[in-house]
């Protein structure tokens, strides 16, 4: 059976994408909601977008990490 390479996106990256791209929050407002600095938010959303683009353009599966979802 063929196995796709995977890209793992963590819960902080999912939340950053949700706030920035789905809810259209500014980085400043989204960072406030996540209780992190704007610079940290920028790094997280950049990482998430990079992973998503890599998966789409290179035919990789996106795996969503559940490390913090069950707390």
PDB file of N, CA and C in Angstrom:
ATOM      1  N   UNK A   1       0.838  -1.181   0.000  1.00  0.00           N
ATOM      2  CA  UNK A   1       0.000   0.000   0.000  1.00  0.00           C
ATOM      3  C   UNK A   1       0.884   1.245   0.000  1.00  0.00           C
ATOM      4  N   UNK A   2       0.501   2.249  -0.769  1.00  0.00           N
ATOM      5  CA  UNK A   2       1.252   3.490  -0.884  1.00  0.00           C
ATOM      6  C   UNK A   2       1.052   4.349   0.357  1.00  0.00           C
ATOM      7  N   UNK A   3       2.131   4.902   0.885  1.00  0.00           N
ATOM      8  CA  UNK A   3       2.086   5.735   2.088  1.00  0.00           C
ATOM      9  C   UNK A   3       2.560   7.147   1.733  1.00  0.00           C
ATOM     10  N   UNK A   4       1.726   8.152   2.002  1.00  0.00           N
ATOM     11  CA  UNK A   4       2.126   9.541   1.780  1.00  0.00           C
ATOM     12  C   UNK A   4       3.069  10.001   2.886  1.00  0.00           C
ATOM     13  N   UNK A   5       4.004  10.856   2.522  1.00  0.00           N
ATOM     14  CA  UNK A   5       4.780  11.545   3.545  1.00  0.00           C
ATOM     15  C   UNK A   5       3.822  12.451   4.302  1.00  0.00           C
ATOM     16  N   UNK A   6       4.100  12.692   5.570  1.00  0.00           N
ATOM     17  CA  UNK A   6       3.216  13.514   6.399  1.00  0.00           C
ATOM     18  C   UNK A   6       3.905  14.783   6.861  1.00  0.00           C
ATOM     19  N   UNK A   7       3.117  15.811   6.995  1.00  0.00           N
ATOM     20  CA  UNK A   7       3.515  17.062   7.630  1.00  0.00           C
ATOM     21  C   UNK A   7       2.645  17.172   8.877  1.00  0.00           C
ATOM     22  N   UNK A   8       3.255  17.354  10.035  1.00  0.00           N
ATOM     23  CA  UNK A   8       2.495  17.454  11.281  1.00  0.00           C
ATOM     24  C   UNK A   8       2.327  18.914  11.679  1.00  0.00           C
ATOM     25  N   UNK A   9       1.090  19.290  11.927  1.00  0.00           N
ATOM     26  CA  UNK A   9       0.759  20.641  12.371  1.00  0.00           C
ATOM     27  C   UNK A   9       0.293  20.548  13.815  1.00  0.00           C
ATOM     28  N   UNK A  10       0.892  21.364  14.681  1.00  0.00           N
ATOM     29  CA  UNK A  10       0.551  21.282  16.101  1.00  0.00           C
ATOM     30  C   UNK A  10      -0.647  22.175  16.449  1.00  0.00           C
ATOM     31  N   UNK A  11      -1.221  22.011  17.620  1.00  0.00           N
ATOM     32  CA  UNK A  11      -2.426  22.772  17.997  1.00  0.00           C
ATOM     33  C   UNK A  11      -2.249  24.287  17.959  1.00  0.00           C
ATOM     34  N   UNK A  12      -1.082  24.807  18.349  1.00  0.00           N
ATOM     35  CA  UNK A  12      -0.860  26.253  18.265  1.00  0.00           C
ATOM     36  C   UNK A  12      -0.904  26.736  16.819  1.00  0.00           C
ATOM     37  N   UNK A  13      -0.354  25.950  15.905  1.00  0.00           N
ATOM     38  CA  UNK A  13      -0.380  26.321  14.490  1.00  0.00           C
ATOM     39  C   UNK A  13      -1.800  26.291  13.944  1.00  0.00           C
ATOM     40  N   UNK A  14      -2.584  25.305  14.337  1.00  0.00           N
ATOM     41  CA  UNK A  14      -3.986  25.237  13.904  1.00  0.00           C
ATOM     42  C   UNK A  14      -4.744  26.464  14.401  1.00  0.00           C
ATOM     43  N   UNK A  15      -4.546  26.813  15.663  1.00  0.00           N
ATOM     44  CA  UNK A  15      -5.240  27.975  16.228  1.00  0.00           C
ATOM     45  C   UNK A  15      -4.799  29.259  15.538  1.00  0.00           C
ATOM     46  N   UNK A  16      -3.533  29.401  15.245  1.00  0.00           N
ATOM     47  CA  UNK A  16      -3.040  30.594  14.556  1.00  0.00           C
ATOM     48  C   UNK A  16      -3.661  30.714  13.161  1.00  0.00           C
ATOM     49  N   UNK A  17      -3.732  29.616  12.438  1.00  0.00           N
ATOM     50  CA  UNK A  17      -4.360  29.625  11.107  1.00  0.00           C
ATOM     51  C   UNK A  17      -5.841  29.964  11.216  1.00  0.00           C
ATOM     52  N   UNK A  18      -6.509  29.395  12.208  1.00  0.00           N
ATOM     53  CA  UNK A  18      -7.940  29.682  12.398  1.00  0.00           C
ATOM     54  C   UNK A  18      -8.159  31.172  12.650  1.00  0.00           C
ATOM     55  N   UNK A  19      -7.389  31.725  13.558  1.00  0.00           N
ATOM     56  CA  UNK A  19      -7.572  33.135  13.899  1.00  0.00           C
ATOM     57  C   UNK A  19      -7.200  34.068  12.747  1.00  0.00           C
ATOM     58  N   UNK A  20      -6.058  33.818  12.115  1.00  0.00           N
ATOM     59  CA  UNK A  20      -5.572  34.711  11.062  1.00  0.00           C
ATOM     60  C   UNK A  20      -6.333  34.558   9.749  1.00  0.00           C
ATOM     61  N   UNK A  21      -6.562  33.327   9.336  1.00  0.00           N
ATOM     62  CA  UNK A  21      -7.093  33.090   7.990  1.00  0.00           C
ATOM     63  C   UNK A  21      -8.589  32.825   7.953  1.00  0.00           C
ATOM     64  N   UNK A  22      -9.120  32.142   8.934  1.00  0.00           N
ATOM     65  CA  UNK A  22     -10.554  31.856   8.934  1.00  0.00           C
ATOM     66  C   UNK A  22     -11.347  32.999   9.577  1.00  0.00           C
ATOM     67  N   UNK A  23     -10.846  33.494  10.708  1.00  0.00           N
ATOM     68  CA  UNK A  23     -11.551  34.558  11.433  1.00  0.00           C
ATOM     69  C   UNK A  23     -11.080  35.963  11.036  1.00  0.00           C
ATOM     70  N   UNK A  24     -10.008  36.066  10.265  1.00  0.00           N
ATOM     71  CA  UNK A  24      -9.461  37.339   9.767  1.00  0.00           C
ATOM     72  C   UNK A  24      -9.051  38.319  10.861  1.00  0.00           C
ATOM     73  N   UNK A  25      -8.535  37.797  11.975  1.00  0.00           N
ATOM     74  CA  UNK A  25      -8.004  38.662  13.024  1.00  0.00           C
ATOM     75  C   UNK A  25      -6.661  39.227  12.571  1.00  0.00           C
ATOM     76  N   UNK A  26      -6.336  40.429  13.027  1.00  0.00           N
ATOM     77  CA  UNK A  26      -4.986  40.963  12.815  1.00  0.00           C
ATOM     78  C   UNK A  26      -4.023  40.123  13.662  1.00  0.00           C
ATOM     79  N   UNK A  27      -2.747  40.189  13.340  1.00  0.00           N
ATOM     80  CA  UNK A  27      -1.766  39.453  14.136  1.00  0.00           C
ATOM     81  C   UNK A  27      -1.784  39.929  15.585  1.00  0.00           C
ATOM     82  N   UNK A  28      -1.948  41.220  15.774  1.00  0.00           N
ATOM     83  CA  UNK A  28      -1.993  41.786  17.127  1.00  0.00           C
ATOM     84  C   UNK A  28      -3.162  41.216  17.928  1.00  0.00           C
ATOM     85  N   UNK A  29      -4.363  41.219  17.337  1.00  0.00           N
ATOM     86  CA  UNK A  29      -5.549  40.710  18.035  1.00  0.00           C
ATOM     87  C   UNK A  29      -5.478  39.198  18.251  1.00  0.00           C
ATOM     88  N   UNK A  30      -4.998  38.487  17.243  1.00  0.00           N
ATOM     89  CA  UNK A  30      -4.885  37.030  17.359  1.00  0.00           C
ATOM     90  C   UNK A  30      -3.877  36.656  18.441  1.00  0.00           C
ATOM     91  N   UNK A  31      -2.774  37.383  18.501  1.00  0.00           N
ATOM     92  CA  UNK A  31      -1.775  37.127  19.537  1.00  0.00           C
ATOM     93  C   UNK A  31      -2.373  37.345  20.917  1.00  0.00           C
ATOM     94  N   UNK A  32      -3.177  38.381  21.053  1.00  0.00           N
ATOM     95  CA  UNK A  32      -3.850  38.634  22.325  1.00  0.00           C
ATOM     96  C   UNK A  32      -4.772  37.500  22.718  1.00  0.00           C
ATOM     97  N   UNK A  33      -5.513  36.973  21.762  1.00  0.00           N
ATOM     98  CA  UNK A  33      -6.407  35.849  22.049  1.00  0.00           C
ATOM     99  C   UNK A  33      -5.635  34.603  22.473  1.00  0.00           C
ATOM    100  N   UNK A  34      -4.450  34.415  21.894  1.00  0.00           N
ATOM    101  CA  UNK A  34      -3.634  33.245  22.237  1.00  0.00           C
ATOM    102  C   UNK A  34      -2.737  33.515  23.446  1.00  0.00           C
ATOM    103  N   UNK A  35      -2.743  34.750  23.931  1.00  0.00           N
ATOM    104  CA  UNK A  35      -1.928  35.153  25.088  1.00  0.00           C
ATOM    105  C   UNK A  35      -0.432  34.950  24.840  1.00  0.00           C
ATOM    106  N   UNK A  36      -0.001  35.379  23.644  1.00  0.00           N
ATOM    107  CA  UNK A  36       1.401  35.342  23.254  1.00  0.00           C
ATOM    108  C   UNK A  36       1.753  36.681  22.623  1.00  0.00           C
ATOM    109  N   UNK A  37       3.034  36.929  22.401  1.00  0.00           N
ATOM    110  CA  UNK A  37       3.434  38.183  21.757  1.00  0.00           C
ATOM    111  C   UNK A  37       3.070  38.145  20.275  1.00  0.00           C
ATOM    112  N   UNK A  38       2.993  39.335  19.676  1.00  0.00           N
ATOM    113  CA  UNK A  38       2.691  39.422  18.260  1.00  0.00           C
ATOM    114  C   UNK A  38       3.798  38.763  17.442  1.00  0.00           C
ATOM    115  N   UNK A  39       5.049  38.931  17.869  1.00  0.00           N
ATOM    116  CA  UNK A  39       6.171  38.316  17.151  1.00  0.00           C
ATOM    117  C   UNK A  39       6.091  36.790  17.196  1.00  0.00           C
ATOM    118  N   UNK A  40       5.747  36.250  18.346  1.00  0.00           N
ATOM    119  CA  UNK A  40       5.591  34.797  18.468  1.00  0.00           C
ATOM    120  C   UNK A  40       4.438  34.318  17.595  1.00  0.00           C
ATOM    121  N   UNK A  41       3.334  35.054  17.600  1.00  0.00           N
ATOM    122  CA  UNK A  41       2.212  34.690  16.732  1.00  0.00           C
ATOM    123  C   UNK A  41       2.665  34.662  15.277  1.00  0.00           C
ATOM    124  N   UNK A  42       3.414  35.674  14.867  1.00  0.00           N
ATOM    125  CA  UNK A  42       3.905  35.733  13.486  1.00  0.00           C
ATOM    126  C   UNK A  42       4.742  34.527  13.127  1.00  0.00           C
ATOM    127  N   UNK A  43       5.606  34.102  14.044  1.00  0.00           N
ATOM    128  CA  UNK A  43       6.427  32.912  13.789  1.00  0.00           C
ATOM    129  C   UNK A  43       5.571  31.653  13.681  1.00  0.00           C
ATOM    130  N   UNK A  44       4.570  31.534  14.549  1.00  0.00           N
ATOM    131  CA  UNK A  44       3.710  30.348  14.538  1.00  0.00           C
ATOM    132  C   UNK A  44       2.893  30.287  13.252  1.00  0.00           C
ATOM    133  N   UNK A  45       2.268  31.396  12.865  1.00  0.00           N
ATOM    134  CA  UNK A  45       1.433  31.384  11.653  1.00  0.00           C
ATOM    135  C   UNK A  45       2.297  31.182  10.405  1.00  0.00           C
ATOM    136  N   UNK A  46       3.510  31.727  10.397  1.00  0.00           N
ATOM    137  CA  UNK A  46       4.414  31.510   9.273  1.00  0.00           C
ATOM    138  C   UNK A  46       4.776  30.028   9.154  1.00  0.00           C
ATOM    139  N   UNK A  47       5.088  29.406  10.276  1.00  0.00           N
ATOM    140  CA  UNK A  47       5.420  27.977  10.284  1.00  0.00           C
ATOM    141  C   UNK A  47       4.249  27.143   9.772  1.00  0.00           C
ATOM    142  N   UNK A  48       3.045  27.457  10.245  1.00  0.00           N
ATOM    143  CA  UNK A  48       1.856  26.705   9.824  1.00  0.00           C
ATOM    144  C   UNK A  48       1.608  26.856   8.329  1.00  0.00           C
ATOM    145  N   UNK A  49       1.692  28.087   7.836  1.00  0.00           N
ATOM    146  CA  UNK A  49       1.458  28.317   6.401  1.00  0.00           C
ATOM    147  C   UNK A  49       2.508  27.621   5.554  1.00  0.00           C
ATOM    148  N   UNK A  50       3.744  27.615   6.024  1.00  0.00           N
ATOM    149  CA  UNK A  50       4.813  26.933   5.305  1.00  0.00           C
ATOM    150  C   UNK A  50       4.540  25.437   5.222  1.00  0.00           C
ATOM    151  N   UNK A  51       4.124  24.845   6.331  1.00  0.00           N
ATOM    152  CA  UNK A  51       3.815  23.411   6.357  1.00  0.00           C
ATOM    153  C   UNK A  51       2.645  23.078   5.431  1.00  0.00           C
ATOM    154  N   UNK A  52       1.610  23.908   5.458  1.00  0.00           N
ATOM    155  CA  UNK A  52       0.431  23.672   4.612  1.00  0.00           C
ATOM    156  C   UNK A  52       0.809  23.793   3.134  1.00  0.00           C
ATOM    157  N   UNK A  53       1.585  24.807   2.777  1.00  0.00           N
ATOM    158  CA  UNK A  53       2.018  24.969   1.387  1.00  0.00           C
ATOM    159  C   UNK A  53       2.870  23.788   0.944  1.00  0.00           C
ATOM    160  N   UNK A  54       3.772  23.342   1.803  1.00  0.00           N
ATOM    161  CA  UNK A  54       4.611  22.185   1.500  1.00  0.00           C
ATOM    162  C   UNK A  54       3.745  20.956   1.218  1.00  0.00           C
ATOM    163  N   UNK A  55       2.757  20.729   2.068  1.00  0.00           N
ATOM    164  CA  UNK A  55       1.884  19.565   1.886  1.00  0.00           C
ATOM    165  C   UNK A  55       1.108  19.651   0.574  1.00  0.00           C
ATOM    166  N   UNK A  56       0.545  20.807   0.289  1.00  0.00           N
ATOM    167  CA  UNK A  56      -0.256  20.962  -0.933  1.00  0.00           C
ATOM    168  C   UNK A  56       0.612  20.823  -2.179  1.00  0.00           C
ATOM    169  N   UNK A  57       1.723  21.515  -2.197  1.00  0.00           N
ATOM    170  CA  UNK A  57       2.552  21.551  -3.400  1.00  0.00           C
ATOM    171  C   UNK A  57       3.363  20.282  -3.626  1.00  0.00           C
ATOM    172  N   UNK A  58       3.616  19.533  -2.559  1.00  0.00           N
ATOM    173  CA  UNK A  58       4.428  18.318  -2.689  1.00  0.00           C
ATOM    174  C   UNK A  58       3.652  17.034  -2.430  1.00  0.00           C
ATOM    175  N   UNK A  59       2.327  17.125  -2.389  1.00  0.00           N
ATOM    176  CA  UNK A  59       1.486  15.938  -2.268  1.00  0.00           C
ATOM    177  C   UNK A  59       1.668  15.177  -0.972  1.00  0.00           C
ATOM    178  N   UNK A  60       1.809  15.905   0.131  1.00  0.00           N
ATOM    179  CA  UNK A  60       1.986  15.258   1.434  1.00  0.00           C
ATOM    180  C   UNK A  60       0.688  15.334   2.233  1.00  0.00           C
ATOM    181  N   UNK A  61       0.516  14.364   3.116  1.00  0.00           N
ATOM    182  CA  UNK A  61      -0.642  14.356   4.002  1.00  0.00           C
ATOM    183  C   UNK A  61      -0.407  15.345   5.136  1.00  0.00           C
ATOM    184  N   UNK A  62      -1.479  15.964   5.610  1.00  0.00           N
ATOM    185  CA  UNK A  62      -1.398  16.850   6.767  1.00  0.00           C
ATOM    186  C   UNK A  62      -1.931  16.089   7.965  1.00  0.00           C
ATOM    187  N   UNK A  63      -1.069  15.929   8.968  1.00  0.00           N
ATOM    188  CA  UNK A  63      -1.453  15.266  10.211  1.00  0.00           C
ATOM    189  C   UNK A  63      -1.581  16.344  11.275  1.00  0.00           C
ATOM    190  N   UNK A  64      -2.712  16.357  11.958  1.00  0.00           N
ATOM    191  CA  UNK A  64      -2.932  17.329  13.017  1.00  0.00           C
ATOM    192  C   UNK A  64      -2.596  16.655  14.338  1.00  0.00           C
ATOM    193  N   UNK A  65      -1.586  17.198  14.997  1.00  0.00           N
ATOM    194  CA  UNK A  65      -1.146  16.657  16.282  1.00  0.00           C
ATOM    195  C   UNK A  65      -2.235  16.848  17.317  1.00  0.00           C
ATOM    196  N   UNK A  66      -2.446  15.849  18.149  1.00  0.00           N
ATOM    197  CA  UNK A  66      -3.451  15.950  19.208  1.00  0.00           C
ATOM    198  C   UNK A  66      -2.808  16.112  20.563  1.00  0.00           C
ATOM    199  N   UNK A  67      -1.546  16.511  20.602  1.00  0.00           N
ATOM    200  CA  UNK A  67      -0.794  16.566  21.863  1.00  0.00           C
ATOM    201  C   UNK A  67      -1.447  17.410  22.936  1.00  0.00           C
ATOM    202  N   UNK A  68      -2.118  18.495  22.579  1.00  0.00           N
ATOM    203  CA  UNK A  68      -2.741  19.382  23.577  1.00  0.00           C
ATOM    204  C   UNK A  68      -4.253  19.370  23.534  1.00  0.00           C
ATOM    205  N   UNK A  69      -4.865  18.675  22.583  1.00  0.00           N
ATOM    206  CA  UNK A  69      -6.313  18.719  22.418  1.00  0.00           C
ATOM    207  C   UNK A  69      -7.064  17.966  23.515  1.00  0.00           C
ATOM    208  N   UNK A  70      -6.434  16.988  24.133  1.00  0.00           N
ATOM    209  CA  UNK A  70      -7.136  16.148  25.103  1.00  0.00           C
ATOM    210  C   UNK A  70      -6.936  16.578  26.552  1.00  0.00           C
ATOM    211  N   UNK A  71      -6.387  17.756  26.762  1.00  0.00           N
ATOM    212  CA  UNK A  71      -6.154  18.242  28.121  1.00  0.00           C
ATOM    213  C   UNK A  71      -7.404  18.857  28.704  1.00  0.00           C
TER     214      UNK A  71
END
